[in-house]
């Protein structure tokens, strides 16, 4: 195999693993956050506004991690800096 083929293969495998983890782990974190918020709501229904506001801010932060992961993986796949180094 040539150097370019190895770099493309390695980048593709790393992207597959990265997107799998980048989607799976935030999904688990979101599920845990929603479960904890529902438990807190069942214990203290009078503080619903505060719990929901905090929950939505936390969910937005978790979702941004998944989006950052997607952006980095797309950069690795479509604008791979290692290919530019090998082609010089």
N, C-alpha and C. Protein backbone atom coordinates (compact mmCIF):
# COMPACT_ATOMS: atom_id res chain seq x y z
N UNK A 1 0.84 -1.19 0.00
CA UNK A 1 0.00 0.00 0.00
C UNK A 1 0.88 1.24 0.00
N UNK A 2 0.40 2.24 -0.67
CA UNK A 2 1.16 3.49 -0.71
C UNK A 2 0.90 4.30 0.57
N UNK A 3 1.70 5.32 0.76
CA UNK A 3 1.56 6.16 1.95
C UNK A 3 0.21 6.86 1.99
N UNK A 4 -0.24 7.31 0.82
CA UNK A 4 -1.53 8.01 0.77
C UNK A 4 -2.67 7.07 1.14
N UNK A 5 -2.63 5.85 0.64
CA UNK A 5 -3.68 4.89 0.95
C UNK A 5 -3.72 4.57 2.44
N UNK A 6 -2.55 4.44 3.06
CA UNK A 6 -2.50 4.17 4.49
C UNK A 6 -3.05 5.35 5.30
N UNK A 7 -2.74 6.55 4.88
CA UNK A 7 -3.24 7.72 5.60
C UNK A 7 -4.74 7.84 5.45
N UNK A 8 -5.25 7.60 4.25
CA UNK A 8 -6.70 7.67 4.03
C UNK A 8 -7.41 6.57 4.82
N UNK A 9 -6.86 5.37 4.83
CA UNK A 9 -7.45 4.28 5.59
C UNK A 9 -7.43 4.58 7.08
N UNK A 10 -6.31 5.04 7.59
CA UNK A 10 -6.22 5.38 9.01
C UNK A 10 -7.15 6.51 9.39
N UNK A 11 -7.26 7.51 8.53
CA UNK A 11 -8.17 8.64 8.80
C UNK A 11 -9.62 8.18 8.80
N UNK A 12 -9.96 7.29 7.88
CA UNK A 12 -11.33 6.80 7.82
C UNK A 12 -11.69 5.97 9.06
N UNK A 13 -10.79 5.11 9.47
CA UNK A 13 -11.04 4.30 10.67
C UNK A 13 -11.14 5.20 11.91
N UNK A 14 -10.25 6.18 12.02
CA UNK A 14 -10.30 7.10 13.15
C UNK A 14 -11.59 7.91 13.14
N UNK A 15 -12.05 8.30 11.96
CA UNK A 15 -13.30 9.05 11.85
C UNK A 15 -14.50 8.20 12.26
N UNK A 16 -14.50 6.94 11.87
CA UNK A 16 -15.60 6.05 12.24
C UNK A 16 -15.65 5.86 13.74
N UNK A 17 -14.51 5.60 14.35
CA UNK A 17 -14.45 5.43 15.80
C UNK A 17 -14.81 6.74 16.50
N UNK A 18 -14.30 7.84 15.98
CA UNK A 18 -14.58 9.14 16.60
C UNK A 18 -16.04 9.52 16.54
N UNK A 19 -16.69 9.30 15.42
CA UNK A 19 -18.11 9.66 15.33
C UNK A 19 -18.96 8.71 16.16
N UNK A 20 -18.55 7.46 16.26
CA UNK A 20 -19.30 6.52 17.10
C UNK A 20 -19.25 6.96 18.56
N UNK A 21 -18.06 7.27 19.04
CA UNK A 21 -17.93 7.73 20.43
C UNK A 21 -18.50 9.13 20.60
N UNK A 22 -18.35 9.97 19.60
CA UNK A 22 -18.82 11.33 19.69
C UNK A 22 -20.33 11.45 19.69
N UNK A 23 -21.03 10.43 19.26
CA UNK A 23 -22.48 10.43 19.30
C UNK A 23 -22.99 9.63 20.49
N UNK A 24 -22.31 8.52 20.78
CA UNK A 24 -22.78 7.63 21.83
C UNK A 24 -22.61 8.24 23.23
N UNK A 25 -21.47 8.81 23.52
CA UNK A 25 -21.22 9.31 24.87
C UNK A 25 -22.08 10.54 25.21
N UNK A 26 -22.24 11.52 24.32
CA UNK A 26 -23.17 12.60 24.66
C UNK A 26 -24.62 12.12 24.79
N UNK A 27 -25.01 11.11 24.02
CA UNK A 27 -26.37 10.58 24.15
C UNK A 27 -26.58 9.95 25.52
N UNK A 28 -25.58 9.22 26.00
CA UNK A 28 -25.68 8.66 27.35
C UNK A 28 -25.72 9.76 28.40
N UNK A 29 -24.92 10.79 28.22
CA UNK A 29 -24.91 11.90 29.17
C UNK A 29 -26.25 12.64 29.17
N UNK A 30 -26.85 12.80 27.98
CA UNK A 30 -28.16 13.45 27.91
C UNK A 30 -29.23 12.62 28.62
N UNK A 31 -29.18 11.32 28.41
CA UNK A 31 -30.13 10.44 29.09
C UNK A 31 -30.00 10.51 30.60
N UNK A 32 -28.77 10.54 31.08
CA UNK A 32 -28.54 10.64 32.52
C UNK A 32 -29.01 11.99 33.05
N UNK A 33 -28.76 13.06 32.30
CA UNK A 33 -29.19 14.39 32.74
C UNK A 33 -30.71 14.49 32.78
N UNK A 34 -31.38 13.97 31.77
CA UNK A 34 -32.84 14.02 31.75
C UNK A 34 -33.42 13.17 32.87
N UNK A 35 -32.84 12.00 33.11
CA UNK A 35 -33.31 11.15 34.20
C UNK A 35 -33.14 11.83 35.56
N UNK A 36 -32.01 12.49 35.76
CA UNK A 36 -31.78 13.19 37.02
C UNK A 36 -32.74 14.37 37.17
N UNK A 37 -33.02 15.07 36.06
CA UNK A 37 -33.95 16.20 36.13
C UNK A 37 -35.36 15.72 36.46
N UNK A 38 -35.77 14.61 35.87
CA UNK A 38 -37.10 14.08 36.17
C UNK A 38 -37.20 13.64 37.63
N UNK A 39 -36.12 13.06 38.14
CA UNK A 39 -36.11 12.67 39.55
C UNK A 39 -36.18 13.90 40.45
N UNK A 40 -35.45 14.95 40.09
CA UNK A 40 -35.50 16.18 40.89
C UNK A 40 -36.88 16.83 40.81
N UNK A 41 -37.51 16.78 39.65
CA UNK A 41 -38.86 17.33 39.51
C UNK A 41 -39.88 16.56 40.34
N UNK A 42 -39.70 15.25 40.43
CA UNK A 42 -40.64 14.46 41.22
C UNK A 42 -40.47 14.72 42.71
N UNK A 43 -39.26 15.09 43.11
CA UNK A 43 -39.02 15.38 44.54
C UNK A 43 -39.43 16.80 44.91
N UNK A 44 -39.18 17.75 44.01
CA UNK A 44 -39.48 19.16 44.29
C UNK A 44 -40.20 19.79 43.10
N UNK A 45 -41.48 19.54 42.96
CA UNK A 45 -42.19 20.08 41.79
C UNK A 45 -42.30 21.61 41.81
N UNK A 46 -42.17 22.22 42.97
CA UNK A 46 -42.29 23.68 43.04
C UNK A 46 -41.09 24.41 42.43
N UNK A 47 -39.96 23.73 42.27
CA UNK A 47 -38.77 24.36 41.67
C UNK A 47 -38.60 23.95 40.20
N UNK A 48 -39.72 23.79 39.52
CA UNK A 48 -39.70 23.31 38.13
C UNK A 48 -38.95 24.27 37.20
N UNK A 49 -39.18 25.57 37.34
CA UNK A 49 -38.55 26.54 36.44
C UNK A 49 -37.03 26.49 36.54
N UNK A 50 -36.52 26.44 37.74
CA UNK A 50 -35.07 26.41 37.94
C UNK A 50 -34.45 25.13 37.40
N UNK A 51 -35.11 24.02 37.67
CA UNK A 51 -34.59 22.72 37.21
C UNK A 51 -34.61 22.65 35.68
N UNK A 52 -35.69 23.08 35.08
CA UNK A 52 -35.79 23.02 33.62
C UNK A 52 -34.80 23.94 32.94
N UNK A 53 -34.61 25.14 33.50
CA UNK A 53 -33.64 26.07 32.92
C UNK A 53 -32.23 25.48 32.97
N UNK A 54 -31.87 24.93 34.12
CA UNK A 54 -30.55 24.31 34.26
C UNK A 54 -30.41 23.10 33.35
N UNK A 55 -31.49 22.32 33.22
CA UNK A 55 -31.46 21.14 32.34
C UNK A 55 -31.21 21.55 30.90
N UNK A 56 -31.92 22.57 30.41
CA UNK A 56 -31.75 22.96 29.01
C UNK A 56 -30.38 23.54 28.74
N UNK A 57 -29.81 24.27 29.69
CA UNK A 57 -28.45 24.78 29.51
C UNK A 57 -27.46 23.62 29.46
N UNK A 58 -27.64 22.66 30.35
CA UNK A 58 -26.76 21.48 30.35
C UNK A 58 -26.88 20.66 29.07
N UNK A 59 -28.10 20.49 28.58
CA UNK A 59 -28.30 19.74 27.34
C UNK A 59 -27.67 20.45 26.15
N UNK A 60 -27.74 21.77 26.15
CA UNK A 60 -27.11 22.53 25.07
C UNK A 60 -25.59 22.36 25.11
N UNK A 61 -25.02 22.35 26.29
CA UNK A 61 -23.56 22.14 26.41
C UNK A 61 -23.17 20.74 25.95
N UNK A 62 -23.94 19.74 26.32
CA UNK A 62 -23.65 18.37 25.91
C UNK A 62 -23.77 18.24 24.39
N UNK A 63 -24.79 18.84 23.82
CA UNK A 63 -25.00 18.76 22.37
C UNK A 63 -23.87 19.47 21.62
N UNK A 64 -23.36 20.56 22.19
CA UNK A 64 -22.26 21.26 21.52
C UNK A 64 -21.01 20.39 21.44
N UNK A 65 -20.79 19.53 22.43
CA UNK A 65 -19.65 18.61 22.36
C UNK A 65 -19.79 17.65 21.18
N UNK A 66 -20.99 17.15 20.95
CA UNK A 66 -21.21 16.25 19.81
C UNK A 66 -21.00 16.99 18.48
N UNK A 67 -21.42 18.25 18.43
CA UNK A 67 -21.25 19.02 17.19
C UNK A 67 -19.77 19.31 16.95
N UNK A 68 -19.02 19.65 18.00
CA UNK A 68 -17.57 19.87 17.85
C UNK A 68 -16.89 18.61 17.35
N UNK A 69 -17.30 17.46 17.86
CA UNK A 69 -16.73 16.19 17.42
C UNK A 69 -17.01 15.98 15.93
N UNK A 70 -18.22 16.26 15.50
CA UNK A 70 -18.57 16.12 14.09
C UNK A 70 -17.74 17.04 13.21
N UNK A 71 -17.54 18.28 13.64
CA UNK A 71 -16.76 19.24 12.85
C UNK A 71 -15.31 18.77 12.70
N UNK A 72 -14.72 18.31 13.78
CA UNK A 72 -13.34 17.85 13.72
C UNK A 72 -13.21 16.63 12.82
N UNK A 73 -14.17 15.72 12.89
CA UNK A 73 -14.12 14.53 12.04
C UNK A 73 -14.29 14.90 10.57
N UNK A 74 -15.16 15.86 10.28
CA UNK A 74 -15.31 16.29 8.89
C UNK A 74 -14.04 16.96 8.37
N UNK A 75 -13.35 17.68 9.23
CA UNK A 75 -12.07 18.28 8.83
C UNK A 75 -11.06 17.19 8.53
N UNK A 76 -11.00 16.17 9.37
CA UNK A 76 -10.04 15.07 9.16
C UNK A 76 -10.36 14.33 7.86
N UNK A 77 -11.63 14.15 7.55
CA UNK A 77 -11.99 13.40 6.35
C UNK A 77 -11.80 14.20 5.06
N UNK A 78 -12.19 15.46 5.07
CA UNK A 78 -12.23 16.20 3.82
C UNK A 78 -11.08 17.19 3.63
N UNK A 79 -10.39 17.56 4.69
CA UNK A 79 -9.26 18.48 4.58
C UNK A 79 -8.14 17.95 5.47
N UNK A 80 -7.71 16.75 5.15
CA UNK A 80 -6.73 16.06 5.97
C UNK A 80 -5.34 16.71 5.81
N UNK A 81 -4.80 17.27 6.88
CA UNK A 81 -3.49 17.92 6.77
C UNK A 81 -2.35 16.93 6.51
N UNK A 82 -2.54 15.67 6.86
CA UNK A 82 -1.49 14.69 6.62
C UNK A 82 -1.32 14.40 5.14
N UNK A 83 -2.40 14.47 4.37
CA UNK A 83 -2.28 14.25 2.93
C UNK A 83 -1.47 15.34 2.26
N UNK A 84 -1.61 16.56 2.72
CA UNK A 84 -0.81 17.66 2.15
C UNK A 84 0.67 17.45 2.45
N UNK A 85 0.98 16.91 3.61
CA UNK A 85 2.36 16.66 3.99
C UNK A 85 2.97 15.55 3.12
N UNK A 86 2.21 14.51 2.83
CA UNK A 86 2.73 13.39 2.02
C UNK A 86 2.88 13.79 0.57
N UNK A 87 1.97 14.63 0.07
CA UNK A 87 2.00 14.98 -1.36
C UNK A 87 3.10 15.97 -1.70
N UNK A 88 3.70 16.61 -0.71
CA UNK A 88 4.79 17.57 -1.00
C UNK A 88 6.08 16.90 -1.40
